[in-house]
Amino acid sequence: MIRSLTVSYTTPPHVPAPYSHHYSLKAEVVGQQVNLEYSITYTDRDTISLEEIENEGFTEDDNQQIKAIVGTIWEKPLVDLIAKTTILPEGQHLEDFHDEVHVDWTTADGKRVQGIPENVTDWQYLVQELIQATLEQSSQEQPLTIRYKRNEKDHSTTLITLVVKFAQRNAEVNVSGSKAAPVLHTLNWEQLRPVLQAVYAPEYYPEKALETEPTQTGEFIDSGDGFWYKIGDGVRNLRGQNVLHKLQKQFEQWL
């Protein structure tokens, strides 16, 4: 069992302002809940002008400190990840040290472990999920909503809406169309992960994004940013990888 956990990350020296930052995520198990605290501080902003900051899409003050509470459904993923984590010997670093995170946890019996985990990708993935859970529960952001639409030549349509709830570690899939009654599916977290991986694997081209829901024939996806991308045009395969097929296959399971 785990009592508390802190994961922190600092961008490497070559990352310039306004992008350079430090963040930390703290999780504390208290009874039947997990208390979360997420903070991010942008660094070296005094080395550039406000105009330069705003030109990059930031504001004068983008620092955040947010607290939230989630259920103990989050405790097992934390315990499972800790169980398979090996900490690097002191003084050693990963080959790609730019991705390193620092972890610091205390078990229920008081044992404390801290350092750089070898399985950094697993930690990065979990931390991003926890950050999203924190933002959801604090009402800073709405649940991630992904839409997939198929428009047929006969003008029939099918719309699949996937609502991801990070705080509850589940998702809902609503399938509606012009030829059938709506259908609702519920996904657990393990079922959801390959769907999200398929959604974000292809390359999206912002210059080809559509601002309004498409009516022309084809298949389209809104990956959560509110814009629509046509499969094979606005969103494409990576070089040498047919990731669009995997994307289509994930959504076709509900058609």
Protein backbone atom coordinates (compact mmCIF):
# COMPACT_ATOMS: atom_id res chain seq x y z
CA MET A 1 0.00 0.00 0.00
CA ILE A 2 1.05 3.58 -0.58
CA ARG A 3 0.78 6.58 1.71
CA SER A 4 2.05 9.37 -0.53
CA LEU A 5 3.77 9.99 -3.85
CA THR A 6 5.41 12.99 -5.53
CA VAL A 7 6.50 13.07 -9.17
CA SER A 8 8.47 16.07 -10.44
CA TYR A 9 9.99 17.17 -13.72
CA THR A 10 12.11 20.08 -14.92
CA THR A 11 12.67 20.87 -18.57
CA PRO A 12 16.32 20.51 -19.69
CA PRO A 13 18.54 23.61 -20.03
CA HIS A 14 18.18 23.85 -23.82
CA VAL A 15 14.41 24.45 -23.59
CA PRO A 16 13.91 28.24 -23.79
CA ALA A 17 11.34 30.50 -22.19
CA PRO A 18 8.40 30.69 -22.39
CA TYR A 19 8.34 26.88 -22.63
CA SER A 20 10.80 26.06 -19.83
CA HIS A 21 9.04 24.97 -16.66
CA HIS A 22 8.98 22.79 -13.58
CA TYR A 23 6.00 20.74 -12.46
CA SER A 24 5.18 18.47 -9.56
CA LEU A 25 2.26 16.17 -8.87
CA LYS A 26 1.55 15.00 -5.34
CA ALA A 27 -0.82 12.18 -4.43
CA GLU A 28 -1.78 11.25 -0.86
CA VAL A 29 -4.04 8.33 0.04
CA VAL A 30 -6.35 9.29 2.89
CA GLY A 31 -9.10 6.84 3.79
CA GLN A 32 -11.35 6.29 0.79
CA GLN A 33 -9.89 9.06 -1.32
CA VAL A 34 -6.72 10.22 -3.03
CA ASN A 35 -5.80 13.87 -2.56
CA LEU A 36 -4.04 15.37 -5.57
CA GLU A 37 -2.03 18.57 -5.88
CA TYR A 38 -0.62 19.69 -9.21
CA SER A 39 1.62 22.71 -9.66
CA ILE A 40 3.48 24.06 -12.66
CA THR A 41 5.85 27.02 -12.66
CA TYR A 42 7.24 28.53 -15.86
CA THR A 43 10.85 29.61 -15.59
CA ASP A 44 13.15 32.24 -17.07
CA ARG A 45 10.27 34.43 -18.19
CA ASP A 46 12.25 37.49 -17.10
CA THR A 47 14.64 36.89 -20.02
CA ILE A 48 12.04 37.67 -22.70
CA SER A 49 9.40 40.34 -23.26
CA LEU A 50 5.66 39.97 -22.64
CA GLU A 51 5.11 40.36 -26.38
CA GLU A 52 7.35 37.35 -27.06
CA ILE A 53 5.48 35.33 -24.44
CA GLU A 54 2.08 36.18 -25.92
CA ASN A 55 3.28 35.51 -29.47
CA GLU A 56 3.93 31.91 -28.40
CA GLY A 57 0.36 31.52 -27.14
CA PHE A 58 1.06 32.08 -23.45
CA THR A 59 -0.09 34.76 -21.02
CA GLU A 60 1.70 36.97 -18.51
CA ASP A 61 1.16 34.39 -15.74
CA ASP A 62 0.60 30.73 -16.68
CA ASN A 63 1.66 29.25 -13.35
CA GLN A 64 -0.88 26.94 -11.76
CA GLN A 65 -1.45 25.27 -8.41
CA ILE A 66 -4.52 23.04 -8.32
CA LYS A 67 -5.92 20.64 -5.74
CA ALA A 68 -8.50 17.92 -6.29
CA ILE A 69 -9.85 14.71 -4.78
CA VAL A 70 -10.39 11.44 -6.63
CA GLY A 71 -11.56 8.03 -5.47
CA THR A 72 -9.39 5.11 -4.43
CA ILE A 73 -9.86 3.68 -7.93
CA TRP A 74 -6.57 5.52 -8.51
CA GLU A 75 -4.72 3.77 -5.69
CA LYS A 76 -4.21 0.42 -7.45
CA PRO A 77 -2.60 1.93 -10.61
CA LEU A 78 -0.14 3.78 -8.39
CA VAL A 79 0.68 0.68 -6.35
CA ASP A 80 1.04 -1.47 -9.48
CA LEU A 81 3.42 0.99 -11.12
CA ILE A 82 5.54 1.31 -7.99
CA ALA A 83 5.75 -2.49 -7.77
CA LYS A 84 7.32 -2.76 -11.22
CA THR A 85 9.61 0.26 -10.87
CA THR A 86 13.36 0.04 -10.48
CA ILE A 87 15.17 3.16 -9.31
CA LEU A 88 18.49 3.96 -10.99
CA PRO A 89 21.55 3.83 -8.74
CA GLU A 90 22.44 7.24 -7.34
CA GLY A 91 24.44 9.28 -9.83
CA GLN A 92 23.25 7.35 -12.87
CA HIS A 93 20.96 8.77 -15.54
CA LEU A 94 18.87 7.50 -18.42
CA GLU A 95 20.44 7.54 -21.88
CA ASP A 96 17.91 10.22 -22.85
CA PHE A 97 18.14 12.20 -19.64
CA HIS A 98 15.88 14.95 -21.03
CA ASP A 99 12.86 12.76 -20.27
CA GLU A 100 13.81 11.97 -16.70
CA VAL A 101 11.29 12.41 -13.93
CA HIS A 102 12.01 12.19 -10.21
CA VAL A 103 9.77 10.10 -7.98
CA ASP A 104 9.46 10.09 -4.21
CA TRP A 105 7.04 7.75 -2.47
CA THR A 106 6.30 6.53 1.04
CA THR A 107 4.58 3.21 1.66
CA ALA A 108 1.96 2.60 4.35
CA ASP A 109 4.62 1.08 6.63
CA GLY A 110 6.76 4.22 6.37
CA LYS A 111 9.37 3.06 3.85
CA ARG A 112 10.55 5.93 1.63
CA VAL A 113 11.96 5.50 -1.88
CA GLN A 114 13.17 8.29 -4.15
CA GLY A 115 15.14 8.70 -7.35
CA ILE A 116 14.91 8.37 -11.13
CA PRO A 117 12.80 5.42 -12.38
CA GLU A 118 14.05 3.27 -15.25
CA ASN A 119 10.51 2.90 -16.65
CA VAL A 120 10.18 6.62 -17.26
CA THR A 121 7.61 6.27 -20.06
CA ASP A 122 5.17 4.49 -17.74
CA TRP A 123 5.54 7.27 -15.19
CA GLN A 124 5.10 10.02 -17.76
CA TYR A 125 1.92 8.36 -19.01
CA LEU A 126 0.45 7.94 -15.53
CA VAL A 127 1.36 11.48 -14.49
CA GLN A 128 -0.42 12.95 -17.52
CA GLU A 129 -3.51 10.92 -16.64
CA LEU A 130 -3.39 12.19 -13.05
CA ILE A 131 -2.91 15.78 -14.19
CA GLN A 132 -6.01 15.46 -16.38
CA ALA A 133 -7.92 13.95 -13.45
CA THR A 134 -6.88 16.91 -11.30
CA LEU A 135 -7.95 19.43 -13.95
CA GLU A 136 -11.32 17.67 -14.38
CA GLN A 137 -12.13 17.43 -10.69
CA SER A 138 -11.19 21.06 -10.10
CA SER A 139 -13.38 22.14 -13.07
CA GLN A 140 -10.37 23.66 -14.80
CA GLU A 141 -11.14 21.50 -17.85
CA GLN A 142 -14.06 19.50 -19.16
CA PRO A 143 -13.63 15.76 -19.78
CA LEU A 144 -11.78 14.95 -22.99
CA THR A 145 -14.30 14.46 -25.80
CA ILE A 146 -13.29 12.76 -29.06
CA ARG A 147 -15.66 12.54 -32.03
CA TYR A 148 -15.50 10.28 -35.06
CA LYS A 149 -17.91 10.80 -37.95
CA ARG A 150 -18.65 8.77 -41.08
CA ASN A 151 -20.67 10.37 -43.89
CA GLU A 152 -21.85 7.92 -46.58
CA LYS A 153 -22.57 8.65 -50.24
CA ASP A 154 -26.29 8.02 -49.62
CA HIS A 155 -26.17 10.92 -47.09
CA SER A 156 -26.53 8.63 -44.07
CA THR A 157 -24.28 9.50 -41.14
CA THR A 158 -22.85 7.87 -38.04
CA LEU A 159 -21.35 9.87 -35.16
CA ILE A 160 -19.30 8.25 -32.40
CA THR A 161 -18.68 10.42 -29.33
CA LEU A 162 -16.09 9.23 -26.83
CA VAL A 163 -16.08 11.02 -23.45
CA VAL A 164 -13.03 10.20 -21.35
CA LYS A 165 -13.32 10.62 -17.58
CA PHE A 166 -9.84 10.57 -16.11
CA ALA A 167 -11.05 11.10 -12.55
CA GLN A 168 -13.23 7.97 -12.72
CA ARG A 169 -10.86 6.01 -14.98
CA ASN A 170 -13.56 5.10 -17.46
CA ALA A 171 -15.12 6.36 -20.67
CA GLU A 172 -18.49 6.45 -22.40
CA VAL A 173 -19.04 5.84 -26.10
CA ASN A 174 -22.23 7.18 -27.62
CA VAL A 175 -23.07 5.96 -31.13
CA SER A 176 -25.78 7.82 -33.02
CA GLY A 177 -26.76 7.84 -36.65
CA SER A 178 -29.41 8.53 -39.22
CA LYS A 179 -30.26 4.82 -39.67
CA ALA A 180 -30.20 3.44 -36.14
CA ALA A 181 -31.17 4.26 -32.55
CA PRO A 182 -28.45 5.64 -30.26
CA VAL A 183 -26.29 3.09 -28.43
CA LEU A 184 -24.22 3.71 -25.29
CA HIS A 185 -21.10 1.70 -24.36
CA THR A 186 -18.95 1.95 -21.24
CA LEU A 187 -15.20 1.30 -21.36
CA ASN A 188 -12.85 0.53 -18.52
CA TRP A 189 -9.37 2.03 -18.51
CA GLU A 190 -7.62 -0.94 -20.08
CA GLN A 191 -10.13 -0.95 -22.96
CA LEU A 192 -9.67 2.78 -23.42
CA ARG A 193 -5.88 2.96 -23.65
CA PRO A 194 -5.50 1.38 -27.13
CA VAL A 195 -8.20 3.73 -28.40
CA LEU A 196 -6.34 6.80 -27.17
CA GLN A 197 -3.06 5.47 -28.53
CA ALA A 198 -4.69 5.01 -31.95
CA VAL A 199 -6.19 8.53 -31.88
CA TYR A 200 -2.90 10.28 -31.18
CA ALA A 201 -0.55 8.08 -33.23
CA PRO A 202 -1.21 9.70 -36.68
CA GLU A 203 0.05 13.11 -37.77
CA TYR A 204 -2.52 15.92 -37.71
CA TYR A 205 -2.25 18.89 -40.10
CA PRO A 206 -3.71 22.05 -38.48
CA GLU A 207 -3.82 23.90 -41.81
CA LYS A 208 -6.36 21.33 -43.04
CA ALA A 209 -8.57 21.45 -39.94
CA LEU A 210 -12.30 22.09 -40.38
CA GLU A 211 -13.98 24.42 -37.88
CA THR A 212 -17.51 23.09 -38.41
CA GLU A 213 -18.87 19.55 -38.34
CA PRO A 214 -18.34 18.10 -41.84
CA THR A 215 -21.22 17.10 -44.09
CA GLN A 216 -19.23 15.93 -47.13
CA THR A 217 -18.64 12.23 -47.79
CA GLY A 218 -15.78 10.66 -45.86
CA GLU A 219 -14.54 9.82 -42.39
CA PHE A 220 -13.52 12.55 -39.98
CA ILE A 221 -12.16 12.87 -36.45
CA ASP A 222 -12.11 15.56 -33.79
CA SER A 223 -9.28 14.47 -31.50
CA GLY A 224 -10.42 16.73 -28.67
CA ASP A 225 -9.37 20.18 -29.87
CA GLY A 226 -12.78 21.01 -31.38
CA PHE A 227 -11.55 20.82 -34.99
CA TRP A 228 -12.35 18.13 -37.55
CA TYR A 229 -9.74 16.33 -39.66
CA LYS A 230 -10.51 14.18 -42.68
CA ILE A 231 -8.98 10.73 -42.49
CA GLY A 232 -6.22 10.48 -45.11
CA ASP A 233 -6.03 14.24 -45.64
CA GLY A 234 -6.13 16.33 -42.47
CA VAL A 235 -4.80 13.38 -40.50
CA ARG A 236 -2.30 11.02 -42.14
CA ASN A 237 -0.10 7.99 -41.62
CA LEU A 238 3.35 8.34 -40.19
CA ARG A 239 6.13 7.43 -42.59
CA GLY A 240 6.26 3.65 -42.94
CA GLN A 241 3.44 3.06 -40.45
CA ASN A 242 -0.20 2.44 -41.32
CA VAL A 243 -1.56 3.98 -38.13
CA LEU A 244 -4.75 5.25 -39.79
CA HIS A 245 -5.91 1.66 -40.25
CA LYS A 246 -5.54 1.11 -36.49
CA LEU A 247 -7.45 4.33 -35.83
CA GLN A 248 -10.33 3.35 -38.10
CA LYS A 249 -10.41 -0.18 -36.68
CA GLN A 250 -10.78 1.13 -33.13
CA PHE A 251 -13.88 3.15 -34.00
CA GLU A 252 -15.36 0.61 -36.41
CA GLN A 253 -15.84 -1.78 -33.47
CA TRP A 254 -18.80 0.37 -32.44
CA LEU A 255 -20.38 0.72 -35.90
